[in-house]
């Protein structure tokens, strides 16, 4: 008759993992050298540890049944408080309910090969803004802009519009070289004085030229 105790398989065949603390000596290519009571231990950063360890950090680590050590987190950073969030691969921050706010006392920098911003409504507000592009393409249905002063400096400007309406209290245009206007029909209406001053004036019509007024002075 067999002994039933022989068929019992122990649940814990290896010693349980333990938690210990140590001091980071160096970090090279993902390998973390930890000093524990004068001994050197090699460890890897745990997947859930998003703060990158630095030399001098006091860290919490554990070891599995094979003796492989993993850094679980940073307990203290004596030298400085600068922290780097390091993710191993693609990362997604998901806030299914509520809002996500990022607040910084200094500046915020976003650096990427490609940056996509998608939203139903976007608000950009700042006291001073600098925008520099090699090439920009903007499309939409309607644009409203209100500025006290607008300065455009360009080598070439091409504008194609079905209808353009300009309303100014005062309008000054200064062209140093050639100013050419090509239109199917052109009408200019001035409530007061309409003055034309030039060194030479040429008026040419294929058909009729009409000059009408109560008094015409020439010479």
N, C-alpha and C. Protein backbone atom coordinates (compact mmCIF):
# COMPACT_ATOMS: atom_id res chain seq x y z
N UNK A 1 0.84 -1.19 0.00
CA UNK A 1 0.00 0.00 0.00
C UNK A 1 0.87 1.23 0.00
N UNK A 2 0.60 2.17 -0.89
CA UNK A 2 1.42 3.37 -1.02
C UNK A 2 1.15 4.33 0.13
N UNK A 3 2.20 5.09 0.46
CA UNK A 3 2.08 6.12 1.49
C UNK A 3 1.52 7.39 0.85
N UNK A 4 0.35 7.94 1.32
CA UNK A 4 -0.24 9.15 0.70
C UNK A 4 0.68 10.35 0.82
N UNK A 5 1.57 10.40 1.76
CA UNK A 5 2.44 11.57 1.94
C UNK A 5 3.41 11.73 0.79
N UNK A 6 3.69 10.58 0.10
CA UNK A 6 4.62 10.68 -1.03
C UNK A 6 4.03 11.47 -2.20
N UNK A 7 2.73 11.50 -2.34
CA UNK A 7 2.08 12.16 -3.47
C UNK A 7 1.82 13.65 -3.23
N UNK A 8 2.16 14.15 -2.05
CA UNK A 8 1.94 15.57 -1.74
C UNK A 8 3.06 16.40 -2.35
N UNK A 9 2.71 17.40 -3.16
CA UNK A 9 3.69 18.30 -3.78
C UNK A 9 3.69 19.60 -3.01
N UNK A 10 4.79 20.05 -2.49
CA UNK A 10 4.82 21.31 -1.72
C UNK A 10 4.49 22.50 -2.60
N UNK A 11 3.71 23.43 -2.05
CA UNK A 11 3.33 24.62 -2.81
C UNK A 11 4.51 25.56 -2.95
N UNK A 12 5.25 25.80 -1.90
CA UNK A 12 6.42 26.66 -1.91
C UNK A 12 7.66 25.80 -1.97
N UNK A 13 8.17 25.63 -3.21
CA UNK A 13 9.37 24.81 -3.38
C UNK A 13 10.64 25.62 -3.25
N UNK A 14 10.53 26.98 -3.22
CA UNK A 14 11.69 27.84 -3.13
C UNK A 14 11.46 28.85 -2.00
N UNK A 15 12.50 29.41 -1.47
CA UNK A 15 12.33 30.42 -0.43
C UNK A 15 11.57 31.63 -0.97
N UNK A 16 10.78 32.27 -0.13
CA UNK A 16 10.01 33.44 -0.54
C UNK A 16 10.94 34.61 -0.84
N UNK A 17 10.52 35.48 -1.80
CA UNK A 17 11.31 36.65 -2.15
C UNK A 17 11.32 37.62 -0.97
N UNK A 18 12.40 38.34 -0.85
CA UNK A 18 12.56 39.29 0.24
C UNK A 18 12.76 40.67 -0.32
N UNK A 19 12.47 41.67 0.50
CA UNK A 19 12.67 43.07 0.13
C UNK A 19 13.83 43.61 0.93
N UNK A 20 14.75 44.27 0.22
CA UNK A 20 15.91 44.85 0.87
C UNK A 20 16.19 46.22 0.26
N UNK A 21 17.04 46.96 0.92
CA UNK A 21 17.45 48.27 0.43
C UNK A 21 18.93 48.26 0.13
N UNK A 22 19.33 49.11 -0.79
CA UNK A 22 20.74 49.23 -1.16
C UNK A 22 21.00 50.58 -1.80
N UNK A 23 22.25 50.82 -2.08
CA UNK A 23 22.67 52.10 -2.67
C UNK A 23 23.20 51.85 -4.07
N UNK A 24 22.69 52.63 -5.04
CA UNK A 24 23.10 52.48 -6.44
C UNK A 24 24.50 53.04 -6.62
N UNK A 25 25.38 52.21 -7.16
CA UNK A 25 26.75 52.64 -7.45
C UNK A 25 26.87 53.19 -8.86
N UNK A 26 26.27 52.50 -9.82
CA UNK A 26 26.34 52.94 -11.22
C UNK A 26 25.21 52.31 -12.00
N UNK A 27 24.88 52.95 -13.14
CA UNK A 27 23.87 52.43 -14.06
C UNK A 27 24.46 52.47 -15.46
N UNK A 28 24.67 51.29 -16.06
CA UNK A 28 25.28 51.20 -17.38
C UNK A 28 24.44 50.28 -18.24
N UNK A 29 23.85 50.83 -19.31
CA UNK A 29 23.08 50.06 -20.29
C UNK A 29 22.00 49.22 -19.62
N UNK A 30 21.33 49.77 -18.64
CA UNK A 30 20.25 49.05 -17.97
C UNK A 30 20.68 48.18 -16.82
N UNK A 31 21.98 47.94 -16.67
CA UNK A 31 22.49 47.15 -15.56
C UNK A 31 22.76 48.07 -14.37
N UNK A 32 22.16 47.75 -13.23
CA UNK A 32 22.25 48.59 -12.03
C UNK A 32 23.14 47.89 -11.01
N UNK A 33 24.22 48.54 -10.62
CA UNK A 33 25.12 48.01 -9.59
C UNK A 33 24.69 48.59 -8.25
N UNK A 34 24.33 47.70 -7.32
CA UNK A 34 23.83 48.10 -6.01
C UNK A 34 24.82 47.63 -4.95
N UNK A 35 25.11 48.53 -4.04
CA UNK A 35 25.97 48.20 -2.91
C UNK A 35 25.10 47.86 -1.71
N UNK A 36 25.29 46.63 -1.18
CA UNK A 36 24.52 46.14 -0.03
C UNK A 36 25.50 45.66 1.03
N UNK A 37 25.67 46.44 2.08
CA UNK A 37 26.57 46.09 3.19
C UNK A 37 27.97 45.79 2.70
N UNK A 38 28.44 46.58 1.76
CA UNK A 38 29.79 46.41 1.23
C UNK A 38 29.89 45.46 0.05
N UNK A 39 28.86 44.69 -0.24
CA UNK A 39 28.85 43.76 -1.37
C UNK A 39 28.19 44.43 -2.57
N UNK A 40 28.57 43.99 -3.78
CA UNK A 40 28.01 44.53 -5.03
C UNK A 40 27.03 43.54 -5.60
N UNK A 41 25.85 44.04 -5.95
CA UNK A 41 24.78 43.22 -6.51
C UNK A 41 24.35 43.84 -7.84
N UNK A 42 24.20 43.00 -8.85
CA UNK A 42 23.71 43.45 -10.16
C UNK A 42 22.21 43.24 -10.23
N UNK A 43 21.50 44.27 -10.71
CA UNK A 43 20.05 44.20 -10.75
C UNK A 43 19.54 44.86 -12.02
N UNK A 44 18.26 44.61 -12.31
CA UNK A 44 17.55 45.24 -13.40
C UNK A 44 16.40 46.07 -12.82
N UNK A 45 15.95 47.06 -13.58
CA UNK A 45 14.82 47.86 -13.14
C UNK A 45 13.53 47.10 -13.42
N UNK A 46 12.66 47.05 -12.42
CA UNK A 46 11.36 46.39 -12.60
C UNK A 46 10.54 47.14 -13.64
N UNK A 47 9.64 46.42 -14.30
CA UNK A 47 8.84 47.02 -15.36
C UNK A 47 7.97 48.15 -14.83
N UNK A 48 7.47 48.01 -13.62
CA UNK A 48 6.58 49.02 -13.04
C UNK A 48 7.34 50.19 -12.42
N UNK A 49 8.66 50.13 -12.35
CA UNK A 49 9.46 51.24 -11.81
C UNK A 49 9.72 52.23 -12.93
N UNK A 50 9.00 53.35 -12.94
CA UNK A 50 9.11 54.30 -14.05
C UNK A 50 10.14 55.40 -13.79
N UNK A 51 10.64 55.52 -12.56
CA UNK A 51 11.68 56.49 -12.25
C UNK A 51 13.04 55.85 -12.51
N UNK A 52 13.84 56.45 -13.37
CA UNK A 52 15.15 55.90 -13.70
C UNK A 52 16.11 56.07 -12.53
N UNK A 53 16.71 54.99 -12.02
CA UNK A 53 17.66 55.11 -10.91
C UNK A 53 18.93 55.84 -11.35
N UNK A 54 19.55 56.52 -10.40
CA UNK A 54 20.80 57.23 -10.62
C UNK A 54 21.78 56.87 -9.52
N UNK A 55 23.08 57.02 -9.79
CA UNK A 55 24.07 56.74 -8.74
C UNK A 55 23.82 57.57 -7.49
N UNK A 56 23.90 56.91 -6.33
CA UNK A 56 23.64 57.58 -5.06
C UNK A 56 22.25 57.34 -4.52
N UNK A 57 21.33 56.81 -5.35
CA UNK A 57 19.97 56.57 -4.90
C UNK A 57 19.92 55.42 -3.89
N UNK A 58 19.06 55.55 -2.90
CA UNK A 58 18.73 54.45 -2.01
C UNK A 58 17.48 53.79 -2.57
N UNK A 59 17.60 52.52 -2.97
CA UNK A 59 16.53 51.85 -3.69
C UNK A 59 16.02 50.66 -2.90
N UNK A 60 14.81 50.26 -3.24
CA UNK A 60 14.20 49.06 -2.70
C UNK A 60 14.24 47.99 -3.79
N UNK A 61 14.79 46.83 -3.47
CA UNK A 61 14.92 45.78 -4.49
C UNK A 61 14.48 44.45 -3.90
N UNK A 62 14.24 43.52 -4.79
CA UNK A 62 13.87 42.16 -4.41
C UNK A 62 14.58 41.19 -5.34
N UNK A 63 14.57 39.93 -4.99
CA UNK A 63 15.20 38.88 -5.80
C UNK A 63 14.23 37.71 -5.93
N UNK A 64 14.21 37.10 -7.12
CA UNK A 64 13.34 35.95 -7.33
C UNK A 64 14.02 34.67 -6.87
N UNK A 65 13.39 33.53 -7.17
CA UNK A 65 13.92 32.25 -6.71
C UNK A 65 15.24 31.88 -7.36
N UNK A 66 15.53 32.49 -8.54
CA UNK A 66 16.80 32.22 -9.20
C UNK A 66 17.92 33.14 -8.73
N UNK A 67 17.57 34.12 -7.88
CA UNK A 67 18.56 35.05 -7.41
C UNK A 67 18.67 36.31 -8.24
N UNK A 68 17.84 36.46 -9.28
CA UNK A 68 17.88 37.65 -10.10
C UNK A 68 17.21 38.80 -9.38
N UNK A 69 17.90 39.94 -9.30
CA UNK A 69 17.43 41.07 -8.51
C UNK A 69 16.75 42.10 -9.40
N UNK A 70 15.73 42.76 -8.82
CA UNK A 70 14.98 43.80 -9.52
C UNK A 70 14.81 44.99 -8.59
N UNK A 71 15.03 46.19 -9.13
CA UNK A 71 14.80 47.42 -8.39
C UNK A 71 13.33 47.78 -8.51
N UNK A 72 12.64 47.86 -7.36
CA UNK A 72 11.21 48.14 -7.35
C UNK A 72 10.90 49.63 -7.28
N UNK A 73 11.75 50.40 -6.64
CA UNK A 73 11.49 51.83 -6.52
C UNK A 73 12.64 52.53 -5.84
N UNK A 74 12.59 53.85 -5.88
CA UNK A 74 13.62 54.69 -5.27
C UNK A 74 13.06 55.23 -3.96
N UNK A 75 13.77 54.96 -2.87
CA UNK A 75 13.33 55.43 -1.55
C UNK A 75 13.82 56.84 -1.28
N UNK A 76 15.07 57.12 -1.63
CA UNK A 76 15.66 58.42 -1.33
C UNK A 76 16.69 58.77 -2.38
N UNK A 77 16.76 60.04 -2.72
CA UNK A 77 17.78 60.55 -3.63
C UNK A 77 18.51 61.68 -2.91
N UNK A 78 19.63 61.39 -2.28
CA UNK A 78 20.29 62.39 -1.43
C UNK A 78 20.87 63.58 -2.18
N UNK A 79 21.38 63.34 -3.39
CA UNK A 79 22.13 64.41 -4.07
C UNK A 79 21.22 65.52 -4.57
N UNK A 80 20.23 65.21 -5.36
CA UNK A 80 19.32 66.20 -5.92
C UNK A 80 17.97 65.55 -6.14
N UNK A 81 16.99 66.34 -6.47
CA UNK A 81 15.63 65.85 -6.59
C UNK A 81 15.17 65.73 -8.04
N UNK A 82 16.08 65.83 -9.00
CA UNK A 82 15.71 65.68 -10.41
C UNK A 82 15.31 64.25 -10.70
N UNK A 83 14.19 64.06 -11.39
CA UNK A 83 13.70 62.72 -11.69
C UNK A 83 13.44 62.58 -13.18
N UNK A 84 13.66 61.38 -13.70
CA UNK A 84 13.42 61.07 -15.10
C UNK A 84 12.45 59.90 -15.19
N UNK A 85 11.32 60.14 -15.86
CA UNK A 85 10.37 59.06 -16.11
C UNK A 85 10.85 58.28 -17.33
N UNK A 86 11.15 57.00 -17.16
CA UNK A 86 11.69 56.18 -18.24
C UNK A 86 10.76 54.99 -18.46
N UNK A 87 10.16 54.92 -19.65
CA UNK A 87 9.29 53.82 -20.00
C UNK A 87 10.01 52.91 -20.99
N UNK A 88 9.83 51.59 -20.87
CA UNK A 88 10.58 50.68 -21.74
C UNK A 88 10.14 50.68 -23.19
N UNK A 89 8.87 51.00 -23.45
CA UNK A 89 8.37 50.93 -24.82
C UNK A 89 7.21 51.90 -24.98
N UNK A 90 6.30 51.58 -25.91
CA UNK A 90 5.15 52.44 -26.17
C UNK A 90 4.36 52.66 -24.87
N UNK A 91 3.96 53.90 -24.63
CA UNK A 91 3.29 54.25 -23.39
C UNK A 91 2.01 55.02 -23.70
N UNK A 92 0.97 54.71 -22.95
CA UNK A 92 -0.31 55.38 -23.11
C UNK A 92 -0.83 55.77 -21.73
N UNK A 93 -1.23 57.03 -21.59
CA UNK A 93 -1.84 57.52 -20.37
C UNK A 93 -3.34 57.63 -20.61
N UNK A 94 -4.10 56.85 -19.90
CA UNK A 94 -5.55 56.77 -20.13
C UNK A 94 -6.28 57.29 -18.90
N UNK A 95 -7.06 58.35 -19.09
CA UNK A 95 -7.93 58.88 -18.04
C UNK A 95 -9.35 58.75 -18.55
N UNK A 96 -10.02 57.66 -18.19
CA UNK A 96 -11.35 57.39 -18.73
C UNK A 96 -12.38 58.38 -18.20
N UNK A 97 -12.19 58.88 -16.98
CA UNK A 97 -13.10 59.84 -16.40
C UNK A 97 -12.28 60.96 -15.76
N UNK A 98 -12.77 62.17 -15.91
CA UNK A 98 -12.06 63.30 -15.31
C UNK A 98 -11.10 63.94 -16.29
N UNK A 99 -10.20 64.74 -15.76
CA UNK A 99 -9.26 65.52 -16.57
C UNK A 99 -7.83 65.16 -16.20
N UNK A 100 -6.93 65.52 -17.09
CA UNK A 100 -5.50 65.33 -16.88
C UNK A 100 -4.84 66.70 -16.93
N UNK A 101 -4.23 67.12 -15.83
CA UNK A 101 -3.59 68.42 -15.74
C UNK A 101 -2.10 68.24 -15.52
N UNK A 102 -1.31 69.01 -16.26
CA UNK A 102 0.14 69.02 -16.10
C UNK A 102 0.54 70.44 -15.71
N UNK A 103 1.12 70.59 -14.54
CA UNK A 103 1.49 71.91 -14.04
C UNK A 103 2.99 71.92 -13.74
N UNK A 104 3.65 72.95 -14.21
CA UNK A 104 5.09 73.08 -14.00
C UNK A 104 5.40 74.51 -13.58
N UNK A 105 6.26 74.65 -12.57
CA UNK A 105 6.69 75.98 -12.16
C UNK A 105 7.62 76.63 -13.15
N UNK A 106 8.35 75.82 -13.93
CA UNK A 106 9.24 76.34 -14.96
C UNK A 106 8.62 76.21 -16.34
N UNK A 107 9.33 75.56 -17.25
CA UNK A 107 8.83 75.41 -18.62
C UNK A 107 8.53 73.94 -18.91
N UNK A 108 7.68 73.73 -19.91
CA UNK A 108 7.30 72.39 -20.36
C UNK A 108 7.77 72.24 -21.80
N UNK A 109 8.48 71.17 -22.09
CA UNK A 109 9.02 70.93 -23.43
C UNK A 109 8.47 69.61 -23.95
N UNK A 110 7.92 69.62 -25.17
CA UNK A 110 7.47 68.42 -25.86
C UNK A 110 8.36 68.22 -27.08
N UNK A 111 9.02 67.09 -27.14
CA UNK A 111 9.96 66.81 -28.23
C UNK A 111 9.63 65.45 -28.83
N UNK A 112 9.35 65.40 -30.13
CA UNK A 112 9.01 64.16 -30.79
C UNK A 112 9.24 64.30 -32.28
N UNK A 113 9.44 63.16 -32.97
CA UNK A 113 9.55 63.19 -34.43
C UNK A 113 8.23 63.60 -35.07
N UNK A 114 7.12 63.24 -34.45
CA UNK A 114 5.79 63.61 -34.94
C UNK A 114 4.90 63.88 -33.74
N UNK A 115 4.22 65.02 -33.74
CA UNK A 115 3.36 65.43 -32.63
C UNK A 115 1.95 65.65 -33.16
N UNK A 116 0.98 64.93 -32.61
CA UNK A 116 -0.41 65.03 -33.03
C UNK A 116 -1.24 65.57 -31.87
N UNK A 117 -2.04 66.60 -32.15
CA UNK A 117 -2.94 67.19 -31.16
C UNK A 117 -4.36 67.10 -31.71
N UNK A 118 -5.22 66.31 -31.06
CA UNK A 118 -6.58 66.09 -31.53
C UNK A 118 -7.55 66.44 -30.40
N UNK A 119 -8.50 67.30 -30.69
CA UNK A 119 -9.49 67.67 -29.68
C UNK A 119 -10.68 68.33 -30.36
N UNK A 120 -11.83 68.33 -29.67
CA UNK A 120 -13.00 69.04 -30.17
C UNK A 120 -12.82 70.54 -30.05
N UNK A 121 -12.10 71.00 -29.04
CA UNK A 121 -11.87 72.42 -28.82
C UNK A 121 -10.50 72.60 -28.19
N UNK A 122 -9.70 73.50 -28.74
CA UNK A 122 -8.36 73.76 -28.23
C UNK A 122 -8.21 75.24 -27.91
N UNK A 123 -7.60 75.55 -26.78
CA UNK A 123 -7.37 76.93 -26.36
C UNK A 123 -5.88 77.10 -26.10
N UNK A 124 -5.27 78.05 -26.80
CA UNK A 124 -3.85 78.37 -26.61
C UNK A 124 -3.77 79.83 -26.19
N UNK A 125 -3.29 80.07 -25.00
CA UNK A 125 -3.23 81.43 -24.48
C UNK A 125 -1.88 81.65 -23.83
N UNK A 126 -1.22 82.74 -24.21
CA UNK A 126 0.08 83.07 -23.64
C UNK A 126 0.33 84.56 -23.82
N UNK A 127 1.20 85.10 -22.99
CA UNK A 127 1.54 86.52 -23.10
C UNK A 127 2.40 86.77 -24.33
N UNK A 128 3.25 85.86 -24.68
CA UNK A 128 4.12 85.99 -25.84
C UNK A 128 4.31 84.61 -26.46
N UNK A 129 4.21 84.54 -27.79
CA UNK A 129 4.33 83.27 -28.48
C UNK A 129 5.25 83.43 -29.69
N UNK A 130 6.07 82.43 -29.93
CA UNK A 130 6.97 82.39 -31.09
C UNK A 130 6.69 81.10 -31.86
N UNK A 131 6.31 81.23 -33.12
CA UNK A 131 6.01 80.08 -33.96
C UNK A 131 6.94 80.11 -35.17
N UNK A 132 7.67 79.02 -35.39
CA UNK A 132 8.61 78.95 -36.51
C UNK A 132 8.39 77.63 -37.25
N UNK A 133 8.07 77.71 -38.53
CA UNK A 133 7.84 76.54 -39.36
C UNK A 133 8.60 76.70 -40.67
N UNK A 134 9.11 75.59 -41.19
CA UNK A 134 9.63 75.59 -42.55
C UNK A 134 8.49 75.56 -43.57
N UNK A 135 7.41 74.89 -43.21
CA UNK A 135 6.26 74.80 -44.09
C UNK A 135 5.02 74.56 -43.23
N UNK A 136 3.95 75.27 -43.51
CA UNK A 136 2.72 75.13 -42.74
C UNK A 136 1.54 75.05 -43.70
N UNK A 137 0.61 74.16 -43.41
CA UNK A 137 -0.62 73.99 -44.17
C UNK A 137 -1.80 74.09 -43.21
N UNK A 138 -2.71 75.04 -43.46
CA UNK A 138 -3.85 75.24 -42.58
C UNK A 138 -5.13 75.18 -43.41
N UNK A 139 -6.09 74.39 -42.97
CA UNK A 139 -7.38 74.26 -43.65
C UNK A 139 -8.48 74.37 -42.61
N UNK A 140 -9.62 74.88 -43.03
CA UNK A 140 -10.74 75.01 -42.11
C UNK A 140 -11.93 75.64 -42.80
N UNK A 141 -12.97 75.91 -42.02
CA UNK A 141 -14.19 76.51 -42.54
C UNK A 141 -14.23 78.01 -42.31
N UNK A 142 -13.81 78.46 -41.15
CA UNK A 142 -13.89 79.88 -40.81
C UNK A 142 -12.73 80.25 -39.91
N UNK A 143 -12.22 81.47 -40.11
CA UNK A 143 -11.15 81.98 -39.27
C UNK A 143 -11.50 83.41 -38.86
N UNK A 144 -11.31 83.72 -37.59
CA UNK A 144 -11.51 85.06 -37.06
C UNK A 144 -10.24 85.46 -36.32
N UNK A 145 -9.70 86.60 -36.70
CA UNK A 145 -8.47 87.07 -36.08
C UNK A 145 -8.62 88.54 -35.72
N UNK A 146 -8.20 88.89 -34.53
CA UNK A 146 -8.27 90.27 -34.06
C UNK A 146 -6.93 90.65 -33.47
N UNK A 147 -6.23 91.60 -34.13
CA UNK A 147 -4.91 92.02 -33.70
C UNK A 147 -4.83 93.54 -33.75
N UNK A 148 -4.06 94.11 -32.85
CA UNK A 148 -3.83 95.54 -32.87
C UNK A 148 -2.86 95.91 -33.98
N UNK A 149 -1.82 95.13 -34.16
CA UNK A 149 -0.82 95.38 -35.21
C UNK A 149 -0.46 94.07 -35.87
N UNK A 150 -0.43 94.08 -37.20
CA UNK A 150 -0.06 92.90 -37.97
C UNK A 150 1.06 93.29 -38.93
N UNK A 151 2.15 92.56 -38.88
CA UNK A 151 3.27 92.78 -39.80
C UNK A 151 3.56 91.48 -40.54
N UNK A 152 3.51 91.55 -41.87
CA UNK A 152 3.82 90.40 -42.71
C UNK A 152 5.05 90.72 -43.54
N UNK A 153 6.08 89.92 -43.39
CA UNK A 153 7.32 90.08 -44.16
C UNK A 153 7.54 88.80 -44.94
N UNK A 154 7.44 88.91 -46.26
CA UNK A 154 7.53 87.72 -47.08
C UNK A 154 8.15 88.06 -48.43
N UNK A 155 8.81 87.07 -49.01
CA UNK A 155 9.35 87.24 -50.37
C UNK A 155 8.24 87.14 -51.40
N UNK A 156 7.25 86.27 -51.15
CA UNK A 156 6.15 86.08 -52.10
C UNK A 156 4.90 85.70 -51.33
N UNK A 157 3.78 86.34 -51.66
CA UNK A 157 2.48 86.03 -51.06
C UNK A 157 1.49 85.79 -52.18
N UNK A 158 0.88 84.62 -52.20
CA UNK A 158 -0.16 84.28 -53.16
C UNK A 158 -1.47 84.09 -52.41
N UNK A 159 -2.48 84.87 -52.78
CA UNK A 159 -3.80 84.77 -52.14
C UNK A 159 -4.83 84.49 -53.22
N UNK A 160 -5.60 83.42 -53.03
CA UNK A 160 -6.66 83.05 -53.96
C UNK A 160 -7.95 83.00 -53.17
N UNK A 161 -8.88 83.91 -53.50
CA UNK A 161 -10.14 83.98 -52.76
C UNK A 161 -11.28 84.27 -53.73
N UNK A 162 -12.46 83.74 -53.42
CA UNK A 162 -13.62 83.99 -54.26
C UNK A 162 -14.13 85.41 -54.04
N UNK A 163 -14.06 85.86 -52.81
CA UNK A 163 -14.50 87.22 -52.49
C UNK A 163 -13.68 87.71 -51.30
N UNK A 164 -13.21 88.95 -51.39
CA UNK A 164 -12.42 89.56 -50.33
C UNK A 164 -13.06 90.89 -49.95
N UNK A 165 -13.30 91.08 -48.68
CA UNK A 165 -13.88 92.33 -48.17
C UNK A 165 -12.93 92.90 -47.13
N UNK A 166 -12.46 94.14 -47.37
CA UNK A 166 -11.58 94.82 -46.44
C UNK A 166 -12.29 96.07 -45.92
N UNK A 167 -12.31 96.24 -44.64
CA UNK A 167 -12.87 97.44 -44.02
C UNK A 167 -11.80 98.04 -43.12
N UNK A 168 -11.32 99.25 -43.51
CA UNK A 168 -10.26 99.92 -42.76
C UNK A 168 -10.70 101.34 -42.43
N UNK A 169 -10.26 101.83 -41.30
CA UNK A 169 -10.38 103.25 -41.01
C UNK A 169 -9.30 104.04 -41.74
N UNK A 170 -8.15 103.45 -41.88
CA UNK A 170 -7.07 104.06 -42.65
C UNK A 170 -6.25 102.96 -43.32
N UNK A 171 -5.83 103.20 -44.55
CA UNK A 171 -5.12 102.16 -45.31
C UNK A 171 -3.95 102.81 -46.04
N UNK A 172 -2.76 102.34 -45.79
CA UNK A 172 -1.55 102.86 -46.44
C UNK A 172 -0.81 101.68 -47.06
N UNK A 173 -0.53 101.79 -48.35
CA UNK A 173 0.21 100.74 -49.05
C UNK A 173 1.44 101.35 -49.71
N UNK A 174 2.58 100.78 -49.45
CA UNK A 174 3.84 101.28 -49.99
C UNK A 174 4.53 100.17 -50.75
N UNK A 175 4.70 100.36 -52.06
CA UNK A 175 5.37 99.38 -52.91
C UNK A 175 6.62 100.02 -53.49
N UNK A 176 7.77 99.44 -53.21
CA UNK A 176 9.02 100.04 -53.67
C UNK A 176 9.24 99.82 -55.16
N UNK A 177 8.84 98.68 -55.71
CA UNK A 177 9.09 98.40 -57.12
C UNK A 177 7.77 98.45 -57.90
N UNK A 178 7.38 97.36 -58.48
CA UNK A 178 6.20 97.33 -59.35
C UNK A 178 4.95 96.95 -58.56
N UNK A 179 3.85 97.67 -58.83
CA UNK A 179 2.56 97.36 -58.24
C UNK A 179 1.58 97.12 -59.38
N UNK A 180 1.16 95.87 -59.54
CA UNK A 180 0.31 95.51 -60.68
C UNK A 180 -0.98 94.89 -60.17
N UNK A 181 -2.12 95.37 -60.72
CA UNK A 181 -3.43 94.83 -60.36
C UNK A 181 -4.11 94.38 -61.65
N UNK A 182 -4.56 93.14 -61.70
CA UNK A 182 -5.24 92.60 -62.87
C UNK A 182 -6.63 92.15 -62.43
N UNK A 183 -7.67 92.72 -63.07
CA UNK A 183 -9.03 92.42 -62.67
C UNK A 183 -9.94 92.40 -63.89
N UNK A 184 -11.05 91.67 -63.79
CA UNK A 184 -12.04 91.67 -64.85
C UNK A 184 -12.73 93.02 -64.94
N UNK A 185 -13.17 93.55 -63.84
CA UNK A 185 -13.74 94.90 -63.74
C UNK A 185 -13.22 95.51 -62.45
N UNK A 186 -13.02 96.82 -62.46
CA UNK A 186 -12.51 97.50 -61.28
C UNK A 186 -13.32 98.78 -61.07
N UNK A 187 -13.80 98.97 -59.86
CA UNK A 187 -14.55 100.15 -59.50
C UNK A 187 -13.97 100.72 -58.22
N UNK A 188 -13.68 102.03 -58.24
CA UNK A 188 -13.18 102.70 -57.05
C UNK A 188 -14.08 103.89 -56.76
N UNK A 189 -14.51 104.00 -55.53
CA UNK A 189 -15.44 105.06 -55.15
C UNK A 189 -14.86 105.79 -53.95
N UNK A 190 -14.72 107.11 -54.06
CA UNK A 190 -14.22 107.94 -52.97
C UNK A 190 -15.27 108.99 -52.64
N UNK A 191 -15.62 109.11 -51.35
CA UNK A 191 -16.61 110.11 -50.94
C UNK A 191 -16.03 111.52 -51.04
N UNK A 192 -14.74 111.65 -50.81
CA UNK A 192 -14.13 112.97 -50.87
C UNK A 192 -13.20 113.09 -52.06
N UNK A 193 -11.95 113.45 -51.81
CA UNK A 193 -10.98 113.70 -52.86
C UNK A 193 -10.35 112.40 -53.32
N UNK A 194 -10.22 112.28 -54.65
CA UNK A 194 -9.47 111.18 -55.25
C UNK A 194 -8.29 111.80 -55.99
N UNK A 195 -7.08 111.56 -55.52
CA UNK A 195 -5.90 112.22 -56.06
C UNK A 195 -4.95 111.19 -56.65
N UNK A 196 -4.36 111.52 -57.79
CA UNK A 196 -3.37 110.68 -58.44
C UNK A 196 -2.15 111.53 -58.74
N UNK A 197 -1.02 111.14 -58.18
CA UNK A 197 0.22 111.92 -58.32
C UNK A 197 1.30 111.01 -58.83
N UNK A 198 1.89 111.35 -60.01
CA UNK A 198 2.95 110.52 -60.59
C UNK A 198 3.79 111.37 -61.53
N UNK A 199 4.98 110.89 -61.85
CA UNK A 199 5.82 111.57 -62.83
C UNK A 199 5.25 111.41 -64.23
N UNK A 200 4.79 110.23 -64.54
CA UNK A 200 4.17 109.99 -65.84
C UNK A 200 2.90 109.19 -65.64
N UNK A 201 1.86 109.55 -66.38
CA UNK A 201 0.57 108.88 -66.28
C UNK A 201 0.12 108.47 -67.66
N UNK A 202 -0.24 107.22 -67.83
CA UNK A 202 -0.71 106.70 -69.11
C UNK A 202 -2.09 106.10 -68.90
N UNK A 203 -3.06 106.57 -69.64
CA UNK A 203 -4.42 106.03 -69.61
C UNK A 203 -4.74 105.51 -71.00
N UNK A 204 -5.06 104.25 -71.11
CA UNK A 204 -5.27 103.63 -72.42
C UNK A 204 -6.53 102.77 -72.36
N UNK A 205 -7.42 102.99 -73.33
CA UNK A 205 -8.66 102.22 -73.40
C UNK A 205 -8.82 101.67 -74.81
N UNK A 206 -9.28 100.46 -74.94
CA UNK A 206 -9.53 99.90 -76.26
C UNK A 206 -10.77 100.52 -76.90
N UNK A 207 -11.72 100.97 -76.08
CA UNK A 207 -12.95 101.56 -76.63
C UNK A 207 -13.08 103.00 -76.16
N UNK A 208 -13.93 103.25 -75.21
CA UNK A 208 -14.27 104.61 -74.82
C UNK A 208 -13.56 105.00 -73.53
N UNK A 209 -13.22 106.29 -73.43
CA UNK A 209 -12.70 106.89 -72.22
C UNK A 209 -13.59 108.07 -71.87
N UNK A 210 -14.20 108.04 -70.71
CA UNK A 210 -15.17 109.06 -70.32
C UNK A 210 -14.63 109.80 -69.10
N UNK A 211 -14.55 111.12 -69.20
CA UNK A 211 -14.22 111.98 -68.08
C UNK A 211 -15.37 112.94 -67.90
N UNK A 212 -16.06 112.81 -66.79
CA UNK A 212 -17.30 113.57 -66.58
C UNK A 212 -17.18 114.32 -65.25
N UNK A 213 -17.50 115.60 -65.26
CA UNK A 213 -17.47 116.38 -64.04
C UNK A 213 -18.04 117.77 -64.28
N UNK A 214 -18.42 118.46 -63.22
CA UNK A 214 -18.93 119.81 -63.37
C UNK A 214 -17.86 120.75 -63.90
N UNK A 215 -16.62 120.53 -63.49
CA UNK A 215 -15.53 121.36 -63.96
C UNK A 215 -14.31 120.48 -64.17
N UNK A 216 -13.67 120.59 -65.30
CA UNK A 216 -12.49 119.83 -65.65
C UNK A 216 -11.36 120.80 -65.89
N UNK A 217 -10.30 120.70 -65.13
CA UNK A 217 -9.14 121.55 -65.24
C UNK A 217 -7.97 120.74 -65.75
N UNK A 218 -7.31 121.23 -66.78
CA UNK A 218 -6.15 120.55 -67.38
C UNK A 218 -5.07 121.57 -67.60
N UNK A 219 -3.83 121.24 -67.27
CA UNK A 219 -2.74 122.17 -67.51
C UNK A 219 -2.22 122.74 -66.22
